[in-house]
């Protein structure tokens, strides 16, 4: 996947974040979905994957730099170059 286009959306929720994630997926990006609450991340990845896209969900606290760093490391660990 090293040549994949990757987009990370931080603050995914049912509104704007989900719409942005879906748009990137339709454009051929692998999408890293990040949100504080795991509940925000349950439906969107399956919708993206049912449409033929690829997505990875990661919980993160955007106010904590260490949490953000760990989230991006998790995206990389799963083979998605971020």
PDB file of N, CA and C in Angstrom:
ATOM      1  N   UNK A   1       0.810  -1.204   0.000  1.00  0.00           N
ATOM      2  CA  UNK A   1       0.000   0.000   0.000  1.00  0.00           C
ATOM      3  C   UNK A   1       0.846   1.257   0.000  1.00  0.00           C
ATOM      4  N   UNK A   2       2.136   1.137  -0.142  1.00  0.00           N
ATOM      5  CA  UNK A   2       2.986   2.305  -0.006  1.00  0.00           C
ATOM      6  C   UNK A   2       2.716   3.363  -1.064  1.00  0.00           C
ATOM      7  N   UNK A   3       2.067   2.994  -2.166  1.00  0.00           N
ATOM      8  CA  UNK A   3       1.765   3.971  -3.191  1.00  0.00           C
ATOM      9  C   UNK A   3       0.323   4.450  -3.118  1.00  0.00           C
ATOM     10  N   UNK A   4      -0.399   4.047  -2.088  1.00  0.00           N
ATOM     11  CA  UNK A   4      -1.787   4.461  -1.932  1.00  0.00           C
ATOM     12  C   UNK A   4      -1.874   5.927  -1.551  1.00  0.00           C
ATOM     13  N   UNK A   5      -2.930   6.544  -2.009  1.00  0.00           N
ATOM     14  CA  UNK A   5      -3.229   7.896  -1.540  1.00  0.00           C
ATOM     15  C   UNK A   5      -3.935   7.726  -0.200  1.00  0.00           C
ATOM     16  N   UNK A   6      -3.535   8.514   0.778  1.00  0.00           N
ATOM     17  CA  UNK A   6      -4.085   8.392   2.123  1.00  0.00           C
ATOM     18  C   UNK A   6      -4.620   9.739   2.590  1.00  0.00           C
ATOM     19  N   UNK A   7      -5.793   9.709   3.201  1.00  0.00           N
ATOM     20  CA  UNK A   7      -6.359  10.896   3.844  1.00  0.00           C
ATOM     21  C   UNK A   7      -6.726  10.502   5.265  1.00  0.00           C
ATOM     22  N   UNK A   8      -6.386  11.349   6.211  1.00  0.00           N
ATOM     23  CA  UNK A   8      -6.770  11.129   7.600  1.00  0.00           C
ATOM     24  C   UNK A   8      -7.755  12.215   7.972  1.00  0.00           C
ATOM     25  N   UNK A   9      -8.906  11.806   8.495  1.00  0.00           N
ATOM     26  CA  UNK A   9      -9.931  12.753   8.922  1.00  0.00           C
ATOM     27  C   UNK A   9     -10.010  12.675  10.435  1.00  0.00           C
ATOM     28  N   UNK A  10      -9.633  13.761  11.086  1.00  0.00           N
ATOM     29  CA  UNK A  10      -9.638  13.832  12.542  1.00  0.00           C
ATOM     30  C   UNK A  10     -10.919  14.524  12.982  1.00  0.00           C
ATOM     31  N   UNK A  11     -11.638  13.902  13.876  1.00  0.00           N
ATOM     32  CA  UNK A  11     -12.901  14.466  14.344  1.00  0.00           C
ATOM     33  C   UNK A  11     -14.086  13.932  13.549  1.00  0.00           C
ATOM     34  N   UNK A  12     -14.026  12.646  13.239  1.00  0.00           N
ATOM     35  CA  UNK A  12     -15.103  12.033  12.456  1.00  0.00           C
ATOM     36  C   UNK A  12     -16.346  11.904  13.320  1.00  0.00           C
ATOM     37  N   UNK A  13     -17.453  12.361  12.785  1.00  0.00           N
ATOM     38  CA  UNK A  13     -18.748  12.213  13.419  1.00  0.00           C
ATOM     39  C   UNK A  13     -19.775  11.979  12.341  1.00  0.00           C
ATOM     40  N   UNK A  14     -21.024  12.029  12.686  1.00  0.00           N
ATOM     41  CA  UNK A  14     -22.068  11.715  11.713  1.00  0.00           C
ATOM     42  C   UNK A  14     -22.295  12.805  10.668  1.00  0.00           C
ATOM     43  N   UNK A  15     -21.717  13.952  10.827  1.00  0.00           N
ATOM     44  CA  UNK A  15     -21.973  15.059   9.906  1.00  0.00           C
ATOM     45  C   UNK A  15     -20.840  15.304   8.944  1.00  0.00           C
ATOM     46  N   UNK A  16     -20.176  16.438   9.107  1.00  0.00           N
ATOM     47  CA  UNK A  16     -19.144  16.877   8.189  1.00  0.00           C
ATOM     48  C   UNK A  16     -17.987  15.888   8.083  1.00  0.00           C
ATOM     49  N   UNK A  17     -17.517  15.367   9.204  1.00  0.00           N
ATOM     50  CA  UNK A  17     -16.403  14.426   9.175  1.00  0.00           C
ATOM     51  C   UNK A  17     -16.710  13.194   8.344  1.00  0.00           C
ATOM     52  N   UNK A  18     -17.916  12.655   8.484  1.00  0.00           N
ATOM     53  CA  UNK A  18     -18.326  11.488   7.699  1.00  0.00           C
ATOM     54  C   UNK A  18     -18.398  11.838   6.223  1.00  0.00           C
ATOM     55  N   UNK A  19     -18.935  13.001   5.909  1.00  0.00           N
ATOM     56  CA  UNK A  19     -19.053  13.421   4.509  1.00  0.00           C
ATOM     57  C   UNK A  19     -17.672  13.577   3.874  1.00  0.00           C
ATOM     58  N   UNK A  20     -16.739  14.155   4.596  1.00  0.00           N
ATOM     59  CA  UNK A  20     -15.376  14.331   4.088  1.00  0.00           C
ATOM     60  C   UNK A  20     -14.731  12.962   3.873  1.00  0.00           C
ATOM     61  N   UNK A  21     -14.895  12.054   4.830  1.00  0.00           N
ATOM     62  CA  UNK A  21     -14.321  10.718   4.711  1.00  0.00           C
ATOM     63  C   UNK A  21     -14.877   9.983   3.493  1.00  0.00           C
ATOM     64  N   UNK A  22     -16.179  10.058   3.301  1.00  0.00           N
ATOM     65  CA  UNK A  22     -16.804   9.409   2.142  1.00  0.00           C
ATOM     66  C   UNK A  22     -16.279  10.004   0.833  1.00  0.00           C
ATOM     67  N   UNK A  23     -16.106  11.293   0.801  1.00  0.00           N
ATOM     68  CA  UNK A  23     -15.620  11.955  -0.410  1.00  0.00           C
ATOM     69  C   UNK A  23     -14.204  11.489  -0.751  1.00  0.00           C
ATOM     70  N   UNK A  24     -13.324  11.456   0.253  1.00  0.00           N
ATOM     71  CA  UNK A  24     -11.968  10.975   0.000  1.00  0.00           C
ATOM     72  C   UNK A  24     -11.992   9.531  -0.486  1.00  0.00           C
ATOM     73  N   UNK A  25     -12.820   8.696   0.121  1.00  0.00           N
ATOM     74  CA  UNK A  25     -12.911   7.287  -0.284  1.00  0.00           C
ATOM     75  C   UNK A  25     -13.368   7.172  -1.735  1.00  0.00           C
ATOM     76  N   UNK A  26     -14.356   7.983  -2.129  1.00  0.00           N
ATOM     77  CA  UNK A  26     -14.829   7.948  -3.522  1.00  0.00           C
ATOM     78  C   UNK A  26     -13.743   8.379  -4.502  1.00  0.00           C
ATOM     79  N   UNK A  27     -12.825   9.202  -4.030  1.00  0.00           N
ATOM     80  CA  UNK A  27     -11.728   9.676  -4.882  1.00  0.00           C
ATOM     81  C   UNK A  27     -10.545   8.699  -4.891  1.00  0.00           C
ATOM     82  N   UNK A  28     -10.696   7.548  -4.231  1.00  0.00           N
ATOM     83  CA  UNK A  28      -9.660   6.524  -4.260  1.00  0.00           C
ATOM     84  C   UNK A  28      -8.659   6.556  -3.127  1.00  0.00           C
ATOM     85  N   UNK A  29      -8.913   7.368  -2.119  1.00  0.00           N
ATOM     86  CA  UNK A  29      -8.016   7.433  -0.966  1.00  0.00           C
ATOM     87  C   UNK A  29      -8.330   6.312   0.019  1.00  0.00           C
ATOM     88  N   UNK A  30      -7.299   5.788   0.665  1.00  0.00           N
ATOM     89  CA  UNK A  30      -7.476   4.996   1.868  1.00  0.00           C
ATOM     90  C   UNK A  30      -7.715   6.017   2.967  1.00  0.00           C
ATOM     91  N   UNK A  31      -8.749   5.823   3.780  1.00  0.00           N
ATOM     92  CA  UNK A  31      -9.134   6.852   4.748  1.00  0.00           C
ATOM     93  C   UNK A  31      -8.867   6.374   6.172  1.00  0.00           C
ATOM     94  N   UNK A  32      -8.078   7.156   6.906  1.00  0.00           N
ATOM     95  CA  UNK A  32      -7.893   6.949   8.332  1.00  0.00           C
ATOM     96  C   UNK A  32      -8.931   7.796   9.054  1.00  0.00           C
ATOM     97  N   UNK A  33      -9.801   7.148   9.788  1.00  0.00           N
ATOM     98  CA  UNK A  33     -10.887   7.829  10.506  1.00  0.00           C
ATOM     99  C   UNK A  33     -10.501   7.957  11.972  1.00  0.00           C
ATOM    100  N   UNK A  34     -10.451   9.182  12.474  1.00  0.00           N
ATOM    101  CA  UNK A  34     -10.059   9.404  13.858  1.00  0.00           C
ATOM    102  C   UNK A  34     -11.135  10.185  14.595  1.00  0.00           C
ATOM    103  N   UNK A  35     -11.460   9.699  15.796  1.00  0.00           N
ATOM    104  CA  UNK A  35     -12.444  10.368  16.656  1.00  0.00           C
ATOM    105  C   UNK A  35     -12.155   9.995  18.104  1.00  0.00           C
ATOM    106  N   UNK A  36     -12.643  10.804  18.998  1.00  0.00           N
ATOM    107  CA  UNK A  36     -12.452  10.549  20.424  1.00  0.00           C
ATOM    108  C   UNK A  36     -13.274   9.357  20.887  1.00  0.00           C
ATOM    109  N   UNK A  37     -14.462   9.227  20.348  1.00  0.00           N
ATOM    110  CA  UNK A  37     -15.392   8.187  20.779  1.00  0.00           C
ATOM    111  C   UNK A  37     -15.435   7.052  19.761  1.00  0.00           C
ATOM    112  N   UNK A  38     -15.246   5.823  20.218  1.00  0.00           N
ATOM    113  CA  UNK A  38     -15.307   4.679  19.319  1.00  0.00           C
ATOM    114  C   UNK A  38     -16.684   4.562  18.664  1.00  0.00           C
ATOM    115  N   UNK A  39     -17.717   4.986  19.358  1.00  0.00           N
ATOM    116  CA  UNK A  39     -19.070   4.910  18.808  1.00  0.00           C
ATOM    117  C   UNK A  39     -19.199   5.724  17.516  1.00  0.00           C
ATOM    118  N   UNK A  40     -18.439   6.801  17.404  1.00  0.00           N
ATOM    119  CA  UNK A  40     -18.467   7.613  16.185  1.00  0.00           C
ATOM    120  C   UNK A  40     -17.843   6.871  15.014  1.00  0.00           C
ATOM    121  N   UNK A  41     -17.062   5.847  15.315  1.00  0.00           N
ATOM    122  CA  UNK A  41     -16.275   5.178  14.284  1.00  0.00           C
ATOM    123  C   UNK A  41     -16.834   3.818  13.871  1.00  0.00           C
ATOM    124  N   UNK A  42     -18.030   3.483  14.280  1.00  0.00           N
ATOM    125  CA  UNK A  42     -18.516   2.134  14.006  1.00  0.00           C
ATOM    126  C   UNK A  42     -19.202   1.982  12.656  1.00  0.00           C
ATOM    127  N   UNK A  43     -19.987   2.918  12.236  1.00  0.00           N
ATOM    128  CA  UNK A  43     -20.771   2.769  11.016  1.00  0.00           C
ATOM    129  C   UNK A  43     -20.037   3.255   9.762  1.00  0.00           C
ATOM    130  N   UNK A  44     -19.304   4.320   9.869  1.00  0.00           N
ATOM    131  CA  UNK A  44     -18.689   4.953   8.702  1.00  0.00           C
ATOM    132  C   UNK A  44     -17.715   4.027   7.966  1.00  0.00           C
ATOM    133  N   UNK A  45     -16.823   3.309   8.665  1.00  0.00           N
ATOM    134  CA  UNK A  45     -15.907   2.423   7.937  1.00  0.00           C
ATOM    135  C   UNK A  45     -16.643   1.345   7.136  1.00  0.00           C
ATOM    136  N   UNK A  46     -17.685   0.767   7.711  1.00  0.00           N
ATOM    137  CA  UNK A  46     -18.404  -0.270   6.977  1.00  0.00           C
ATOM    138  C   UNK A  46     -19.106   0.309   5.755  1.00  0.00           C
ATOM    139  N   UNK A  47     -19.608   1.528   5.857  1.00  0.00           N
ATOM    140  CA  UNK A  47     -20.224   2.179   4.693  1.00  0.00           C
ATOM    141  C   UNK A  47     -19.189   2.395   3.590  1.00  0.00           C
ATOM    142  N   UNK A  48     -18.007   2.842   3.975  1.00  0.00           N
ATOM    143  CA  UNK A  48     -16.939   3.082   3.003  1.00  0.00           C
ATOM    144  C   UNK A  48     -16.524   1.767   2.349  1.00  0.00           C
ATOM    145  N   UNK A  49     -16.354   0.725   3.157  1.00  0.00           N
ATOM    146  CA  UNK A  49     -15.917  -0.554   2.615  1.00  0.00           C
ATOM    147  C   UNK A  49     -16.993  -1.199   1.750  1.00  0.00           C
ATOM    148  N   UNK A  50     -18.267  -1.018   2.077  1.00  0.00           N
ATOM    149  CA  UNK A  50     -19.348  -1.549   1.246  1.00  0.00           C
ATOM    150  C   UNK A  50     -19.379  -0.865  -0.116  1.00  0.00           C
ATOM    151  N   UNK A  51     -18.854   0.352  -0.171  1.00  0.00           N
ATOM    152  CA  UNK A  51     -18.792   1.083  -1.436  1.00  0.00           C
ATOM    153  C   UNK A  51     -17.499   0.804  -2.202  1.00  0.00           C
ATOM    154  N   UNK A  52     -16.688  -0.116  -1.682  1.00  0.00           N
ATOM    155  CA  UNK A  52     -15.453  -0.481  -2.366  1.00  0.00           C
ATOM    156  C   UNK A  52     -14.220   0.244  -1.892  1.00  0.00           C
ATOM    157  N   UNK A  53     -14.358   1.100  -0.880  1.00  0.00           N
ATOM    158  CA  UNK A  53     -13.216   1.838  -0.359  1.00  0.00           C
ATOM    159  C   UNK A  53     -12.530   1.115   0.780  1.00  0.00           C
ATOM    160  N   UNK A  54     -11.499   1.740   1.318  1.00  0.00           N
ATOM    161  CA  UNK A  54     -10.768   1.193   2.457  1.00  0.00           C
ATOM    162  C   UNK A  54     -10.697   2.240   3.547  1.00  0.00           C
ATOM    163  N   UNK A  55     -10.935   1.791   4.793  1.00  0.00           N
ATOM    164  CA  UNK A  55     -10.914   2.721   5.923  1.00  0.00           C
ATOM    165  C   UNK A  55     -10.386   2.024   7.164  1.00  0.00           C
ATOM    166  N   UNK A  56      -9.759   2.802   8.017  1.00  0.00           N
ATOM    167  CA  UNK A  56      -9.258   2.323   9.299  1.00  0.00           C
ATOM    168  C   UNK A  56      -9.726   3.283  10.378  1.00  0.00           C
ATOM    169  N   UNK A  57     -10.311   2.752  11.440  1.00  0.00           N
ATOM    170  CA  UNK A  57     -10.792   3.577  12.548  1.00  0.00           C
ATOM    171  C   UNK A  57      -9.788   3.584  13.690  1.00  0.00           C
ATOM    172  N   UNK A  58      -9.551   4.776  14.244  1.00  0.00           N
ATOM    173  CA  UNK A  58      -8.617   4.926  15.354  1.00  0.00           C
ATOM    174  C   UNK A  58      -9.214   5.917  16.345  1.00  0.00           C
ATOM    175  N   UNK A  59      -9.261   5.543  17.617  1.00  0.00           N
ATOM    176  CA  UNK A  59      -9.704   6.496  18.627  1.00  0.00           C
ATOM    177  C   UNK A  59      -8.522   7.372  19.023  1.00  0.00           C
ATOM    178  N   UNK A  60      -8.821   8.655  19.249  1.00  0.00           N
ATOM    179  CA  UNK A  60      -7.761   9.618  19.547  1.00  0.00           C
ATOM    180  C   UNK A  60      -8.354  10.809  20.290  1.00  0.00           C
ATOM    181  N   UNK A  61      -7.553  11.396  21.166  1.00  0.00           N
ATOM    182  CA  UNK A  61      -7.911  12.646  21.822  1.00  0.00           C
ATOM    183  C   UNK A  61      -7.107  13.748  21.139  1.00  0.00           C
ATOM    184  N   UNK A  62      -7.763  14.533  20.325  1.00  0.00           N
ATOM    185  CA  UNK A  62      -7.079  15.556  19.524  1.00  0.00           C
ATOM    186  C   UNK A  62      -6.433  16.648  20.372  1.00  0.00           C
ATOM    187  N   UNK A  63      -6.787  16.744  21.645  1.00  0.00           N
ATOM    188  CA  UNK A  63      -6.180  17.751  22.515  1.00  0.00           C
ATOM    189  C   UNK A  63      -4.883  17.253  23.150  1.00  0.00           C
ATOM    190  N   UNK A  64      -4.535  15.990  22.910  1.00  0.00           N
ATOM    191  CA  UNK A  64      -3.345  15.383  23.506  1.00  0.00           C
ATOM    192  C   UNK A  64      -2.360  15.010  22.397  1.00  0.00           C
ATOM    193  N   UNK A  65      -1.248  15.743  22.290  1.00  0.00           N
ATOM    194  CA  UNK A  65      -0.286  15.465  21.220  1.00  0.00           C
ATOM    195  C   UNK A  65       0.206  14.019  21.200  1.00  0.00           C
ATOM    196  N   UNK A  66       0.390  13.423  22.363  1.00  0.00           N
ATOM    197  CA  UNK A  66       0.851  12.032  22.420  1.00  0.00           C
ATOM    198  C   UNK A  66      -0.205  11.088  21.835  1.00  0.00           C
ATOM    199  N   UNK A  67      -1.462  11.390  22.082  1.00  0.00           N
ATOM    200  CA  UNK A  67      -2.550  10.585  21.541  1.00  0.00           C
ATOM    201  C   UNK A  67      -2.613  10.700  20.021  1.00  0.00           C
ATOM    202  N   UNK A  68      -2.425  11.898  19.510  1.00  0.00           N
ATOM    203  CA  UNK A  68      -2.436  12.115  18.051  1.00  0.00           C
ATOM    204  C   UNK A  68      -1.258  11.380  17.414  1.00  0.00           C
ATOM    205  N   UNK A  69      -0.085  11.484  18.023  1.00  0.00           N
ATOM    206  CA  UNK A  69       1.088  10.789  17.502  1.00  0.00           C
ATOM    207  C   UNK A  69       0.849   9.282  17.479  1.00  0.00           C
ATOM    208  N   UNK A  70       0.307   8.741  18.561  1.00  0.00           N
ATOM    209  CA  UNK A  70       0.028   7.306  18.635  1.00  0.00           C
ATOM    210  C   UNK A  70      -1.003   6.888  17.587  1.00  0.00           C
ATOM    211  N   UNK A  71      -1.980   7.746  17.329  1.00  0.00           N
ATOM    212  CA  UNK A  71      -3.000   7.430  16.326  1.00  0.00           C
ATOM    213  C   UNK A  71      -2.382   7.336  14.936  1.00  0.00           C
ATOM    214  N   UNK A  72      -1.507   8.277  14.596  1.00  0.00           N
ATOM    215  CA  UNK A  72      -0.846   8.222  13.293  1.00  0.00           C
ATOM    216  C   UNK A  72       0.089   7.022  13.202  1.00  0.00           C
ATOM    217  N   UNK A  73       0.730   6.659  14.305  1.00  0.00           N
ATOM    218  CA  UNK A  73       1.563   5.454  14.308  1.00  0.00           C
ATOM    219  C   UNK A  73       0.705   4.215  14.076  1.00  0.00           C
ATOM    220  N   UNK A  74      -0.488   4.197  14.634  1.00  0.00           N
ATOM    221  CA  UNK A  74      -1.385   3.066  14.425  1.00  0.00           C
ATOM    222  C   UNK A  74      -1.810   2.973  12.958  1.00  0.00           C
ATOM    223  N   UNK A  75      -2.051   4.104  12.329  1.00  0.00           N
ATOM    224  CA  UNK A  75      -2.389   4.106  10.903  1.00  0.00           C
ATOM    225  C   UNK A  75      -1.216   3.533  10.112  1.00  0.00           C
ATOM    226  N   UNK A  76      -0.011   3.943  10.432  1.00  0.00           N
ATOM    227  CA  UNK A  76       1.173   3.414   9.743  1.00  0.00           C
ATOM    228  C   UNK A  76       1.351   1.929  10.009  1.00  0.00           C
ATOM    229  N   UNK A  77       1.127   1.494  11.246  1.00  0.00           N
ATOM    230  CA  UNK A  77       1.313   0.102  11.640  1.00  0.00           C
ATOM    231  C   UNK A  77       0.395  -0.815  10.840  1.00  0.00           C
ATOM    232  N   UNK A  78      -0.780  -0.333  10.497  1.00  0.00           N
ATOM    233  CA  UNK A  78      -1.732  -1.126   9.731  1.00  0.00           C
ATOM    234  C   UNK A  78      -1.445  -1.076   8.238  1.00  0.00           C
ATOM    235  N   UNK A  79      -0.325  -0.548   7.871  1.00  0.00           N
ATOM    236  CA  UNK A  79       0.071  -0.575   6.476  1.00  0.00           C
ATOM    237  C   UNK A  79      -0.428   0.589   5.657  1.00  0.00           C
ATOM    238  N   UNK A  80      -0.955   1.585   6.316  1.00  0.00           N
ATOM    239  CA  UNK A  80      -1.431   2.766   5.617  1.00  0.00           C
ATOM    240  C   UNK A  80      -0.404   3.860   5.840  1.00  0.00           C
ATOM    241  N   UNK A  81       0.355   4.245   4.820  1.00  0.00           N
ATOM    242  CA  UNK A  81       1.363   5.284   5.026  1.00  0.00           C
ATOM    243  C   UNK A  81       0.710   6.628   5.267  1.00  0.00           C
ATOM    244  N   UNK A  82       0.953   7.197   6.420  1.00  0.00           N
ATOM    245  CA  UNK A  82       0.336   8.489   6.742  1.00  0.00           C
ATOM    246  C   UNK A  82       1.362   9.592   6.723  1.00  0.00           C
TER     247      UNK A  82
END
